[in-house]
PDB file of N, CA and C in Angstrom:
ATOM      1  N   UNK A   1     112.586  36.068 181.942  1.00  0.00           N
ATOM      2  CA  UNK A   1     112.578  37.421 181.760  1.00  0.00           C
ATOM      3  C   UNK A   1     111.099  37.605 182.195  1.00  0.00           C
ATOM      4  N   UNK A   2     110.173  37.160 180.905  1.00  0.00           N
ATOM      5  CA  UNK A   2     108.655  36.996 181.331  1.00  0.00           C
ATOM      6  C   UNK A   2     108.131  36.830 181.816  1.00  0.00           C
ATOM      7  N   UNK A   3     108.389  35.394 182.566  1.00  0.00           N
ATOM      8  CA  UNK A   3     108.062  35.297 183.953  1.00  0.00           C
ATOM      9  C   UNK A   3     108.224  35.734 185.015  1.00  0.00           C
ATOM     10  N   UNK A   4     109.018  37.247 185.388  1.00  0.00           N
ATOM     11  CA  UNK A   4     109.329  37.873 186.259  1.00  0.00           C
ATOM     12  C   UNK A   4     108.123  38.895 185.550  1.00  0.00           C
ATOM     13  N   UNK A   5     107.913  39.648 184.548  1.00  0.00           N
ATOM     14  CA  UNK A   5     106.923  40.297 184.252  1.00  0.00           C
ATOM     15  C   UNK A   5     105.380  39.937 184.445  1.00  0.00           C
ATOM     16  N   UNK A   6     105.112  38.581 184.155  1.00  0.00           N
ATOM     17  CA  UNK A   6     104.040  38.129 184.587  1.00  0.00           C
ATOM     18  C   UNK A   6     103.470  37.851 186.244  1.00  0.00           C
ATOM     19  N   UNK A   7     104.584  37.074 187.186  1.00  0.00           N
ATOM     20  CA  UNK A   7     104.574  37.427 188.086  1.00  0.00           C
ATOM     21  C   UNK A   7     104.343  38.765 188.883  1.00  0.00           C
ATOM     22  N   UNK A   8     104.760  39.934 187.418  1.00  0.00           N
ATOM     23  CA  UNK A   8     104.568  41.453 188.392  1.00  0.00           C
ATOM     24  C   UNK A   8     103.055  41.749 188.416  1.00  0.00           C
ATOM     25  N   UNK A   9     102.512  41.466 187.274  1.00  0.00           N
ATOM     26  CA  UNK A   9     101.248  41.670 186.844  1.00  0.00           C
ATOM     27  C   UNK A   9     100.061  40.962 187.805  1.00  0.00           C
ATOM     28  N   UNK A  10     100.419  39.827 187.987  1.00  0.00           N
ATOM     29  CA  UNK A  10      99.435  39.108 188.745  1.00  0.00           C
ATOM     30  C   UNK A  10      99.505  39.769 189.998  1.00  0.00           C
ATOM     31  N   UNK A  11     100.869  40.274 190.630  1.00  0.00           N
ATOM     32  CA  UNK A  11     100.758  40.852 192.157  1.00  0.00           C
ATOM     33  C   UNK A  11      99.942  42.218 191.903  1.00  0.00           C
ATOM     34  N   UNK A  12     100.237  43.132 190.604  1.00  0.00           N
ATOM     35  CA  UNK A  12      99.828  43.762 190.663  1.00  0.00           C
ATOM     36  C   UNK A  12      97.937  43.788 190.757  1.00  0.00           C
ATOM     37  N   UNK A  13      97.607  42.747 190.028  1.00  0.00           N
ATOM     38  CA  UNK A  13      95.892  42.402 189.770  1.00  0.00           C
ATOM     39  C   UNK A  13      95.363  42.270 191.676  1.00  0.00           C
ATOM     40  N   UNK A  14      96.336  41.501 191.705  1.00  0.00           N
ATOM     41  CA  UNK A  14      95.937  41.184 193.124  1.00  0.00           C
ATOM     42  C   UNK A  14      95.951  42.957 194.351  1.00  0.00           C
ATOM     43  N   UNK A  15      96.927  43.558 194.701  1.00  0.00           N
ATOM     44  CA  UNK A  15      96.459  45.153 195.183  1.00  0.00           C
ATOM     45  C   UNK A  15      95.287  46.003 194.317  1.00  0.00           C
ATOM     46  N   UNK A  16      94.976  45.660 193.051  1.00  0.00           N
ATOM     47  CA  UNK A  16      94.044  46.279 192.452  1.00  0.00           C
ATOM     48  C   UNK A  16      92.580  45.665 193.254  1.00  0.00           C
ATOM     49  N   UNK A  17      92.903  44.747 193.486  1.00  0.00           N
ATOM     50  CA  UNK A  17      91.519  43.644 193.853  1.00  0.00           C
ATOM     51  C   UNK A  17      91.406  44.286 195.313  1.00  0.00           C
ATOM     52  N   UNK A  18      92.380  44.316 196.070  1.00  0.00           N
ATOM     53  CA  UNK A  18      92.571  44.449 197.312  1.00  0.00           C
ATOM     54  C   UNK A  18      92.055  46.271 197.581  1.00  0.00           C
ATOM     55  N   UNK A  19      92.461  47.311 196.451  1.00  0.00           N
ATOM     56  CA  UNK A  19      92.043  48.619 196.579  1.00  0.00           C
ATOM     57  C   UNK A  19      90.574  48.590 196.308  1.00  0.00           C
ATOM     58  N   UNK A  20      89.905  47.944 195.670  1.00  0.00           N
ATOM     59  CA  UNK A  20      88.892  48.112 195.149  1.00  0.00           C
ATOM     60  C   UNK A  20      87.751  47.293 196.855  1.00  0.00           C
ATOM     61  N   UNK A  21      88.646  46.425 197.791  1.00  0.00           N
ATOM     62  CA  UNK A  21      88.380  46.524 198.804  1.00  0.00           C
ATOM     63  C   UNK A  21      87.623  47.648 199.404  1.00  0.00           C
ATOM     64  N   UNK A  22      88.757  48.462 199.803  1.00  0.00           N
ATOM     65  CA  UNK A  22      89.058  49.296 200.328  1.00  0.00           C
ATOM     66  C   UNK A  22      88.199  50.480 199.607  1.00  0.00           C
ATOM     67  N   UNK A  23      87.697  50.707 198.090  1.00  0.00           N
ATOM     68  CA  UNK A  23      87.051  51.765 197.809  1.00  0.00           C
ATOM     69  C   UNK A  23      85.354  51.284 198.764  1.00  0.00           C
ATOM     70  N   UNK A  24      85.030  50.072 198.358  1.00  0.00           N
ATOM     71  CA  UNK A  24      83.507  49.286 198.830  1.00  0.00           C
ATOM     72  C   UNK A  24      83.523  49.482 200.149  1.00  0.00           C
ATOM     73  N   UNK A  25      84.555  49.906 201.287  1.00  0.00           N
ATOM     74  CA  UNK A  25      84.316  49.985 202.208  1.00  0.00           C
ATOM     75  C   UNK A  25      83.382  51.470 202.618  1.00  0.00           C
ATOM     76  N   UNK A  26      83.304  52.272 201.335  1.00  0.00           N
ATOM     77  CA  UNK A  26      82.583  53.339 201.396  1.00  0.00           C
ATOM     78  C   UNK A  26      81.926  53.152 200.822  1.00  0.00           C
ATOM     79  N   UNK A  27      80.701  52.186 200.705  1.00  0.00           N
ATOM     80  CA  UNK A  27      79.539  52.157 200.030  1.00  0.00           C
ATOM     81  C   UNK A  27      79.427  52.317 198.038  1.00  0.00           C
ATOM     82  N   UNK A  28      80.814  52.356 197.835  1.00  0.00           N
ATOM     83  CA  UNK A  28      80.854  52.387 196.365  1.00  0.00           C
ATOM     84  C   UNK A  28      80.026  50.981 195.947  1.00  0.00           C
ATOM     85  N   UNK A  29      79.354  51.312 194.742  1.00  0.00           N
ATOM     86  CA  UNK A  29      78.918  50.743 194.016  1.00  0.00           C
ATOM     87  C   UNK A  29      79.022  49.816 192.636  1.00  0.00           C
ATOM     88  N   UNK A  30      79.882  50.663 191.788  1.00  0.00           N
ATOM     89  CA  UNK A  30      80.059  50.645 190.823  1.00  0.00           C
ATOM     90  C   UNK A  30      81.781  50.430 189.880  1.00  0.00           C
ATOM     91  N   UNK A  31      82.767  49.932 191.288  1.00  0.00           N
ATOM     92  CA  UNK A  31      83.985  49.874 190.678  1.00  0.00           C
ATOM     93  C   UNK A  31      84.178  49.345 189.301  1.00  0.00           C
ATOM     94  N   UNK A  32      85.072  49.481 188.593  1.00  0.00           N
ATOM     95  CA  UNK A  32      85.896  49.097 187.514  1.00  0.00           C
ATOM     96  C   UNK A  32      87.281  48.613 187.905  1.00  0.00           C
ATOM     97  N   UNK A  33      87.827  47.501 187.070  1.00  0.00           N
ATOM     98  CA  UNK A  33      89.083  47.582 187.171  1.00  0.00           C
ATOM     99  C   UNK A  33      89.336  47.391 185.653  1.00  0.00           C
ATOM    100  N   UNK A  34      90.517  47.981 184.923  1.00  0.00           N
ATOM    101  CA  UNK A  34      90.519  48.104 183.825  1.00  0.00           C
ATOM    102  C   UNK A  34      92.694  47.377 183.624  1.00  0.00           C
ATOM    103  N   UNK A  35      92.361  46.247 183.049  1.00  0.00           N
ATOM    104  CA  UNK A  35      93.874  45.457 182.855  1.00  0.00           C
ATOM    105  C   UNK A  35      94.617  46.372 181.684  1.00  0.00           C
ATOM    106  N   UNK A  36      95.196  47.288 181.955  1.00  0.00           N
ATOM    107  CA  UNK A  36      96.307  48.022 180.815  1.00  0.00           C
ATOM    108  C   UNK A  36      97.281  48.007 180.656  1.00  0.00           C
ATOM    109  N   UNK A  37      97.691  46.475 181.153  1.00  0.00           N
ATOM    110  CA  UNK A  37      99.353  46.093 181.676  1.00  0.00           C
ATOM    111  C   UNK A  37      99.815  45.765 179.653  1.00  0.00           C
ATOM    112  N   UNK A  38      98.869  45.615 178.648  1.00  0.00           N
ATOM    113  CA  UNK A  38      99.267  45.195 177.675  1.00  0.00           C
ATOM    114  C   UNK A  38      99.223  46.302 176.776  1.00  0.00           C
ATOM    115  N   UNK A  39      98.642  47.705 176.909  1.00  0.00           N
ATOM    116  CA  UNK A  39      98.553  48.786 176.223  1.00  0.00           C
ATOM    117  C   UNK A  39      98.934  50.148 176.947  1.00  0.00           C
ATOM    118  N   UNK A  40      99.331  50.363 177.826  1.00  0.00           N
ATOM    119  CA  UNK A  40     100.267  51.112 179.161  1.00  0.00           C
ATOM    120  C   UNK A  40     101.604  50.824 179.296  1.00  0.00           C
ATOM    121  N   UNK A  41     102.593  52.040 179.105  1.00  0.00           N
ATOM    122  CA  UNK A  41     103.656  51.757 179.679  1.00  0.00           C
ATOM    123  C   UNK A  41     103.976  52.701 180.850  1.00  0.00           C
ATOM    124  N   UNK A  42     102.992  52.527 181.896  1.00  0.00           N
ATOM    125  CA  UNK A  42     103.109  53.629 182.943  1.00  0.00           C
ATOM    126  C   UNK A  42     101.863  53.278 183.510  1.00  0.00           C
ATOM    127  N   UNK A  43     101.421  51.666 183.697  1.00  0.00           N
ATOM    128  CA  UNK A  43     100.522  51.244 184.937  1.00  0.00           C
ATOM    129  C   UNK A  43     100.277  49.679 184.293  1.00  0.00           C
ATOM    130  N   UNK A  44      99.612  48.867 185.217  1.00  0.00           N
ATOM    131  CA  UNK A  44      99.067  47.458 184.657  1.00  0.00           C
ATOM    132  C   UNK A  44      97.666  47.939 185.115  1.00  0.00           C
ATOM    133  N   UNK A  45      97.293  48.739 185.981  1.00  0.00           N
ATOM    134  CA  UNK A  45      95.628  48.361 186.398  1.00  0.00           C
ATOM    135  C   UNK A  45      94.902  49.934 186.461  1.00  0.00           C
ATOM    136  N   UNK A  46      94.117  50.168 185.997  1.00  0.00           N
ATOM    137  CA  UNK A  46      93.134  51.451 185.895  1.00  0.00           C
ATOM    138  C   UNK A  46      92.049  50.772 187.022  1.00  0.00           C
ATOM    139  N   UNK A  47      92.103  51.551 188.131  1.00  0.00           N
ATOM    140  CA  UNK A  47      90.606  51.069 189.165  1.00  0.00           C
ATOM    141  C   UNK A  47      89.891  52.968 188.988  1.00  0.00           C
ATOM    142  N   UNK A  48      88.700  52.183 188.359  1.00  0.00           N
ATOM    143  CA  UNK A  48      87.827  53.845 187.856  1.00  0.00           C
ATOM    144  C   UNK A  48      86.585  53.405 189.161  1.00  0.00           C
ATOM    145  N   UNK A  49      85.873  54.417 189.964  1.00  0.00           N
ATOM    146  CA  UNK A  49      85.066  54.358 191.158  1.00  0.00           C
ATOM    147  C   UNK A  49      84.317  55.587 190.893  1.00  0.00           C
ATOM    148  N   UNK A  50      83.152  55.769 191.484  1.00  0.00           N
ATOM    149  CA  UNK A  50      82.898  57.112 191.622  1.00  0.00           C
ATOM    150  C   UNK A  50      81.656  57.331 192.849  1.00  0.00           C
ATOM    151  N   UNK A  51      81.758  58.536 193.142  1.00  0.00           N
ATOM    152  CA  UNK A  51      80.505  58.699 194.205  1.00  0.00           C
ATOM    153  C   UNK A  51      79.507  60.077 193.762  1.00  0.00           C
ATOM    154  N   UNK A  52      78.669  60.142 194.425  1.00  0.00           N
ATOM    155  CA  UNK A  52      77.135  61.248 194.109  1.00  0.00           C
ATOM    156  C   UNK A  52      78.102  62.901 194.170  1.00  0.00           C
ATOM    157  N   UNK A  53      78.681  62.375 195.534  1.00  0.00           N
ATOM    158  CA  UNK A  53      79.366  63.877 196.624  1.00  0.00           C
ATOM    159  C   UNK A  53      80.832  63.930 195.993  1.00  0.00           C
ATOM    160  N   UNK A  54      81.373  65.048 195.961  1.00  0.00           N
ATOM    161  CA  UNK A  54      82.798  65.445 196.508  1.00  0.00           C
ATOM    162  C   UNK A  54      82.915  65.019 198.095  1.00  0.00           C
ATOM    163  N   UNK A  55      82.128  65.059 198.758  1.00  0.00           N
ATOM    164  CA  UNK A  55      82.191  64.593 200.077  1.00  0.00           C
ATOM    165  C   UNK A  55      82.517  63.091 200.223  1.00  0.00           C
ATOM    166  N   UNK A  56      81.534  62.742 199.452  1.00  0.00           N
ATOM    167  CA  UNK A  56      81.843  61.281 199.434  1.00  0.00           C
ATOM    168  C   UNK A  56      83.120  60.378 198.495  1.00  0.00           C
ATOM    169  N   UNK A  57      83.824  61.361 197.655  1.00  0.00           N
ATOM    170  CA  UNK A  57      85.144  61.222 196.783  1.00  0.00           C
ATOM    171  C   UNK A  57      86.335  61.345 198.796  1.00  0.00           C
ATOM    172  N   UNK A  58      86.113  62.360 199.018  1.00  0.00           N
ATOM    173  CA  UNK A  58      87.221  62.703 199.947  1.00  0.00           C
ATOM    174  C   UNK A  58      86.884  61.470 201.112  1.00  0.00           C
ATOM    175  N   UNK A  59      85.823  60.946 201.166  1.00  0.00           N
ATOM    176  CA  UNK A  59      85.801  59.608 202.189  1.00  0.00           C
ATOM    177  C   UNK A  59      86.395  58.403 201.637  1.00  0.00           C
ATOM    178  N   UNK A  60      85.725  58.722 200.705  1.00  0.00           N
ATOM    179  CA  UNK A  60      86.808  57.130 199.632  1.00  0.00           C
ATOM    180  C   UNK A  60      88.502  57.446 199.751  1.00  0.00           C
ATOM    181  N   UNK A  61      88.990  58.766 199.298  1.00  0.00           N
ATOM    182  CA  UNK A  61      90.273  58.716 199.581  1.00  0.00           C
ATOM    183  C   UNK A  61      90.910  58.433 200.290  1.00  0.00           C
ATOM    184  N   UNK A  62      89.925  59.593 201.790  1.00  0.00           N
ATOM    185  CA  UNK A  62      90.336  59.094 203.223  1.00  0.00           C
ATOM    186  C   UNK A  62      90.543  57.020 203.714  1.00  0.00           C
ATOM    187  N   UNK A  63      89.627  56.573 203.028  1.00  0.00           N
ATOM    188  CA  UNK A  63      89.850  54.806 203.248  1.00  0.00           C
ATOM    189  C   UNK A  63      90.738  54.418 202.789  1.00  0.00           C
ATOM    190  N   UNK A  64      90.991  54.724 201.523  1.00  0.00           N
ATOM    191  CA  UNK A  64      92.076  54.293 200.003  1.00  0.00           C
ATOM    192  C   UNK A  64      93.550  54.771 201.346  1.00  0.00           C
ATOM    193  N   UNK A  65      93.887  56.204 201.602  1.00  0.00           N
ATOM    194  CA  UNK A  65      94.842  56.160 202.083  1.00  0.00           C
ATOM    195  C   UNK A  65      95.353  55.571 203.451  1.00  0.00           C
ATOM    196  N   UNK A  66      94.597  55.267 204.470  1.00  0.00           N
ATOM    197  CA  UNK A  66      94.629  54.648 205.758  1.00  0.00           C
ATOM    198  C   UNK A  66      94.631  53.062 205.369  1.00  0.00           C
ATOM    199  N   UNK A  67      94.124  52.780 204.446  1.00  0.00           N
ATOM    200  CA  UNK A  67      93.709  51.608 204.608  1.00  0.00           C
ATOM    201  C   UNK A  67      95.509  50.760 203.706  1.00  0.00           C
ATOM    202  N   UNK A  68      95.596  51.364 203.067  1.00  0.00           N
ATOM    203  CA  UNK A  68      97.069  51.260 201.764  1.00  0.00           C
ATOM    204  C   UNK A  68      98.066  51.192 203.122  1.00  0.00           C
ATOM    205  N   UNK A  69      98.124  52.362 203.828  1.00  0.00           N
ATOM    206  CA  UNK A  69      99.648  52.638 204.820  1.00  0.00           C
ATOM    207  C   UNK A  69      98.905  50.980 205.830  1.00  0.00           C
ATOM    208  N   UNK A  70      98.247  50.773 206.002  1.00  0.00           N
ATOM    209  CA  UNK A  70      98.166  49.574 207.059  1.00  0.00           C
ATOM    210  C   UNK A  70      98.385  47.837 206.295  1.00  0.00           C
ATOM    211  N   UNK A  71      98.176  47.783 204.602  1.00  0.00           N
ATOM    212  CA  UNK A  71      98.368  47.316 204.062  1.00  0.00           C
ATOM    213  C   UNK A  71      99.867  47.179 203.471  1.00  0.00           C
ATOM    214  N   UNK A  72     100.659  48.517 203.671  1.00  0.00           N
ATOM    215  CA  UNK A  72     102.103  48.730 203.338  1.00  0.00           C
ATOM    216  C   UNK A  72     102.278  48.708 201.863  1.00  0.00           C
ATOM    217  N   UNK A  73     101.242  49.474 200.944  1.00  0.00           N
ATOM    218  CA  UNK A  73     100.819  49.662 199.867  1.00  0.00           C
ATOM    219  C   UNK A  73     101.426  51.024 199.373  1.00  0.00           C
ATOM    220  N   UNK A  74     102.645  51.513 198.771  1.00  0.00           N
ATOM    221  CA  UNK A  74     103.296  52.939 198.319  1.00  0.00           C
ATOM    222  C   UNK A  74     102.648  53.411 197.676  1.00  0.00           C
ATOM    223  N   UNK A  75     102.658  54.404 197.923  1.00  0.00           N
ATOM    224  CA  UNK A  75     102.023  55.740 197.267  1.00  0.00           C
ATOM    225  C   UNK A  75     102.780  56.255 196.379  1.00  0.00           C
ATOM    226  N   UNK A  76     103.279  56.672 195.169  1.00  0.00           N
ATOM    227  CA  UNK A  76     104.107  57.408 194.342  1.00  0.00           C
ATOM    228  C   UNK A  76     103.312  58.654 194.566  1.00  0.00           C
ATOM    229  N   UNK A  77     102.078  59.274 194.303  1.00  0.00           N
ATOM    230  CA  UNK A  77     101.826  60.226 194.831  1.00  0.00           C
ATOM    231  C   UNK A  77     100.348  60.615 194.567  1.00  0.00           C
ATOM    232  N   UNK A  78      99.555  61.614 194.949  1.00  0.00           N
ATOM    233  CA  UNK A  78      97.878  61.106 194.751  1.00  0.00           C
ATOM    234  C   UNK A  78      97.700  62.779 194.390  1.00  0.00           C
ATOM    235  N   UNK A  79      96.529  63.332 193.805  1.00  0.00           N
ATOM    236  CA  UNK A  79      96.006  64.535 193.587  1.00  0.00           C
ATOM    237  C   UNK A  79      95.144  64.974 193.363  1.00  0.00           C
ATOM    238  N   UNK A  80      93.972  65.774 193.436  1.00  0.00           N
ATOM    239  CA  UNK A  80      92.965  66.079 192.869  1.00  0.00           C
ATOM    240  C   UNK A  80      92.512  67.220 192.482  1.00  0.00           C
ATOM    241  N   UNK A  81      91.346  67.395 191.246  1.00  0.00           N
ATOM    242  CA  UNK A  81      91.125  68.794 191.562  1.00  0.00           C
ATOM    243  C   UNK A  81      90.687  69.239 191.880  1.00  0.00           C
ATOM    244  N   UNK A  82      90.241  70.673 192.067  1.00  0.00           N
ATOM    245  CA  UNK A  82      90.372  71.687 193.739  1.00  0.00           C
ATOM    246  C   UNK A  82      88.684  71.407 194.208  1.00  0.00           C
ATOM    247  N   UNK A  83      87.948  70.931 193.251  1.00  0.00           N
ATOM    248  CA  UNK A  83      86.677  70.370 193.966  1.00  0.00           C
ATOM    249  C   UNK A  83      86.592  68.867 195.120  1.00  0.00           C
ATOM    250  N   UNK A  84      87.835  68.346 194.582  1.00  0.00           N
ATOM    251  CA  UNK A  84      87.878  67.232 194.295  1.00  0.00           C
ATOM    252  C   UNK A  84      86.379  65.564 193.766  1.00  0.00           C
ATOM    253  N   UNK A  85      86.354  66.853 192.769  1.00  0.00           N
ATOM    254  CA  UNK A  85      85.451  65.476 191.791  1.00  0.00           C
ATOM    255  C   UNK A  85      85.956  65.092 190.726  1.00  0.00           C
ATOM    256  N   UNK A  86      87.301  64.842 190.518  1.00  0.00           N
ATOM    257  CA  UNK A  86      88.501  63.779 190.569  1.00  0.00           C
ATOM    258  C   UNK A  86      89.359  63.714 191.526  1.00  0.00           C
ATOM    259  N   UNK A  87      89.933  62.619 192.343  1.00  0.00           N
ATOM    260  CA  UNK A  87      91.167  62.243 193.003  1.00  0.00           C
ATOM    261  C   UNK A  87      91.959  61.249 192.248  1.00  0.00           C
ATOM    262  N   UNK A  88      92.488  61.324 191.805  1.00  0.00           N
ATOM    263  CA  UNK A  88      94.239  60.276 191.225  1.00  0.00           C
ATOM    264  C   UNK A  88      95.066  59.948 192.019  1.00  0.00           C
ATOM    265  N   UNK A  89      94.786  58.713 192.329  1.00  0.00           N
ATOM    266  CA  UNK A  89      95.564  57.791 193.216  1.00  0.00           C
ATOM    267  C   UNK A  89      96.819  56.862 192.842  1.00  0.00           C
ATOM    268  N   UNK A  90      98.009  57.305 192.112  1.00  0.00           N
ATOM    269  CA  UNK A  90      99.552  56.607 191.710  1.00  0.00           C
ATOM    270  C   UNK A  90      99.811  55.883 192.458  1.00  0.00           C
ATOM    271  N   UNK A  91      99.969  54.475 192.396  1.00  0.00           N
ATOM    272  CA  UNK A  91     100.131  53.270 193.314  1.00  0.00           C
ATOM    273  C   UNK A  91     101.686  52.692 192.557  1.00  0.00           C
ATOM    274  N   UNK A  92     101.759  53.581 191.546  1.00  0.00           N
ATOM    275  CA  UNK A  92     102.756  52.906 190.337  1.00  0.00           C
ATOM    276  C   UNK A  92     102.204  52.293 189.659  1.00  0.00           C
ATOM    277  N   UNK A  93     101.942  50.586 189.639  1.00  0.00           N
ATOM    278  CA  UNK A  93     101.433  49.739 188.843  1.00  0.00           C
ATOM    279  C   UNK A  93     100.025  49.376 188.620  1.00  0.00           C
ATOM    280  N   UNK A  94      99.123  50.744 189.489  1.00  0.00           N
ATOM    281  CA  UNK A  94      98.578  50.737 189.974  1.00  0.00           C
ATOM    282  C   UNK A  94      97.861  52.277 190.226  1.00  0.00           C
ATOM    283  N   UNK A  95      96.617  52.572 189.279  1.00  0.00           N
ATOM    284  CA  UNK A  95      96.354  53.930 188.996  1.00  0.00           C
ATOM    285  C   UNK A  95      94.617  53.969 189.774  1.00  0.00           C
ATOM    286  N   UNK A  96      94.211  54.600 190.818  1.00  0.00           N
ATOM    287  CA  UNK A  96      92.921  54.507 191.094  1.00  0.00           C
ATOM    288  C   UNK A  96      92.566  56.373 190.772  1.00  0.00           C
ATOM    289  N   UNK A  97      90.836  56.368 190.212  1.00  0.00           N
ATOM    290  CA  UNK A  97      90.400  57.691 189.440  1.00  0.00           C
ATOM    291  C   UNK A  97      89.229  57.014 190.571  1.00  0.00           C
ATOM    292  N   UNK A  98      88.884  57.949 191.258  1.00  0.00           N
ATOM    293  CA  UNK A  98      88.140  58.719 192.115  1.00  0.00           C
ATOM    294  C   UNK A  98      86.663  60.013 191.285  1.00  0.00           C
ATOM    295  N   UNK A  99      86.120  59.323 190.735  1.00  0.00           N
ATOM    296  CA  UNK A  99      85.285  60.239 190.055  1.00  0.00           C
ATOM    297  C   UNK A  99      83.622  60.921 191.036  1.00  0.00           C
ATOM    298  N   UNK A 100      83.102  62.012 191.296  1.00  0.00           N
ATOM    299  CA  UNK A 100      81.873  62.237 191.657  1.00  0.00           C
ATOM    300  C   UNK A 100      81.112  61.318 189.995  1.00  0.00           C
ATOM    301  N   UNK A 101      79.734  60.881 190.464  1.00  0.00           N
ATOM    302  CA  UNK A 101      79.170  60.254 188.702  1.00  0.00           C
ATOM    303  C   UNK A 101      79.374  61.294 187.966  1.00  0.00           C
ATOM    304  N   UNK A 102      78.946  62.666 188.133  1.00  0.00           N
ATOM    305  CA  UNK A 102      78.918  63.412 186.520  1.00  0.00           C
ATOM    306  C   UNK A 102      80.045  63.339 186.432  1.00  0.00           C
ATOM    307  N   UNK A 103      81.356  63.003 186.814  1.00  0.00           N
ATOM    308  CA  UNK A 103      82.929  63.656 185.399  1.00  0.00           C
ATOM    309  C   UNK A 103      82.992  62.367 185.685  1.00  0.00           C
ATOM    310  N   UNK A 104      82.629  61.166 185.858  1.00  0.00           N
ATOM    311  CA  UNK A 104      82.866  59.872 185.357  1.00  0.00           C
ATOM    312  C   UNK A 104      81.749  59.730 184.276  1.00  0.00           C
ATOM    313  N   UNK A 105      80.852  60.276 183.641  1.00  0.00           N
ATOM    314  CA  UNK A 105      79.774  60.426 182.893  1.00  0.00           C
ATOM    315  C   UNK A 105      80.812  60.661 181.838  1.00  0.00           C
ATOM    316  N   UNK A 106      81.190  62.304 182.537  1.00  0.00           N
ATOM    317  CA  UNK A 106      82.169  63.167 181.605  1.00  0.00           C
ATOM    318  C   UNK A 106      82.965  62.557 180.809  1.00  0.00           C
ATOM    319  N   UNK A 107      84.061  61.591 181.528  1.00  0.00           N
ATOM    320  CA  UNK A 107      85.537  62.099 180.903  1.00  0.00           C
ATOM    321  C   UNK A 107      85.428  60.590 180.832  1.00  0.00           C
ATOM    322  N   UNK A 108      83.694  59.433 180.881  1.00  0.00           N
ATOM    323  CA  UNK A 108      84.469  57.968 179.936  1.00  0.00           C
ATOM    324  C   UNK A 108      85.192  57.203 179.853  1.00  0.00           C
ATOM    325  N   UNK A 109      86.044  56.826 181.159  1.00  0.00           N
ATOM    326  CA  UNK A 109      87.175  56.943 180.791  1.00  0.00           C
ATOM    327  C   UNK A 109      87.705  55.062 180.540  1.00  0.00           C
ATOM    328  N   UNK A 110      86.447  54.423 180.525  1.00  0.00           N
ATOM    329  CA  UNK A 110      85.915  53.167 180.380  1.00  0.00           C
ATOM    330  C   UNK A 110      85.941  53.210 178.695  1.00  0.00           C
ATOM    331  N   UNK A 111      84.924  53.613 178.328  1.00  0.00           N
ATOM    332  CA  UNK A 111      85.446  54.160 176.811  1.00  0.00           C
ATOM    333  C   UNK A 111      86.543  54.392 176.152  1.00  0.00           C
ATOM    334  N   UNK A 112      87.157  55.568 176.613  1.00  0.00           N
ATOM    335  CA  UNK A 112      88.556  55.841 176.282  1.00  0.00           C
ATOM    336  C   UNK A 112      89.110  54.592 176.723  1.00  0.00           C
ATOM    337  N   UNK A 113      89.259  53.613 177.042  1.00  0.00           N
ATOM    338  CA  UNK A 113      90.356  52.986 177.576  1.00  0.00           C
ATOM    339  C   UNK A 113      89.469  51.229 177.299  1.00  0.00           C
ATOM    340  N   UNK A 114      89.032  51.336 176.496  1.00  0.00           N
ATOM    341  CA  UNK A 114      87.351  49.939 175.856  1.00  0.00           C
ATOM    342  C   UNK A 114      88.449  48.959 175.317  1.00  0.00           C
ATOM    343  N   UNK A 115      89.563  48.963 174.824  1.00  0.00           N
ATOM    344  CA  UNK A 115      90.700  47.834 174.403  1.00  0.00           C
ATOM    345  C   UNK A 115      91.205  47.352 175.668  1.00  0.00           C
ATOM    346  N   UNK A 116      90.731  47.689 176.753  1.00  0.00           N
ATOM    347  CA  UNK A 116      91.385  46.735 178.042  1.00  0.00           C
ATOM    348  C   UNK A 116      90.498  46.185 178.626  1.00  0.00           C
ATOM    349  N   UNK A 117      91.253  45.147 178.799  1.00  0.00           N
ATOM    350  CA  UNK A 117      89.912  43.991 179.679  1.00  0.00           C
ATOM    351  C   UNK A 117      89.858  44.407 180.907  1.00  0.00           C
ATOM    352  N   UNK A 118      88.449  44.349 180.972  1.00  0.00           N
ATOM    353  CA  UNK A 118      88.042  44.272 182.356  1.00  0.00           C
ATOM    354  C   UNK A 118      88.196  42.893 183.294  1.00  0.00           C
ATOM    355  N   UNK A 119      88.169  43.350 184.643  1.00  0.00           N
ATOM    356  CA  UNK A 119      88.428  42.372 185.112  1.00  0.00           C
ATOM    357  C   UNK A 119      87.077  42.575 186.384  1.00  0.00           C
ATOM    358  N   UNK A 120      86.793  40.764 186.754  1.00  0.00           N
ATOM    359  CA  UNK A 120      85.792  40.586 187.445  1.00  0.00           C
ATOM    360  C   UNK A 120      86.133  40.672 188.470  1.00  0.00           C
ATOM    361  N   UNK A 121      85.022  41.777 189.245  1.00  0.00           N
ATOM    362  CA  UNK A 121      84.920  41.768 190.848  1.00  0.00           C
ATOM    363  C   UNK A 121      83.968  41.148 191.321  1.00  0.00           C
ATOM    364  N   UNK A 122      84.355  40.210 192.081  1.00  0.00           N
ATOM    365  CA  UNK A 122      83.661  39.678 193.087  1.00  0.00           C
ATOM    366  C   UNK A 122      82.494  40.593 194.471  1.00  0.00           C
ATOM    367  N   UNK A 123      81.728  41.006 194.244  1.00  0.00           N
ATOM    368  CA  UNK A 123      81.045  41.817 195.270  1.00  0.00           C
ATOM    369  C   UNK A 123      80.378  41.286 196.102  1.00  0.00           C
ATOM    370  N   UNK A 124      81.032  40.912 197.490  1.00  0.00           N
ATOM    371  CA  UNK A 124      80.572  40.484 198.952  1.00  0.00           C
ATOM    372  C   UNK A 124      78.700  41.073 199.157  1.00  0.00           C
ATOM    373  N   UNK A 125      77.341  40.319 199.708  1.00  0.00           N
ATOM    374  CA  UNK A 125      76.468  39.976 199.169  1.00  0.00           C
ATOM    375  C   UNK A 125      76.167  41.129 200.538  1.00  0.00           C
TER     376      UNK A 125
END
């Protein structure tokens, strides 16, 4: 049974890294992946990213939705606040948070989940 869980977490990590690629297509410069698999009972990975404006957060969302469909990633649901300053995309095992820079600093999920291990993201030059 333990092997199945670790295989699932590994597959989730691959998915999280792929989703970050989608985010980077829209020029997001500071994405973070947190491995919450050992401290969360509802997800394996959080992706936290941000953009300067709500228009850019919407562009990131549109890219993620399009590319997820192309890659057959099931999205449980997604939601946004009324101004698109915080968008959440739930892939079951991976949760993507897209913030404006202002709200990312305000909510500081990286600090809130500071006991989660950060996954290294290799950025293309």
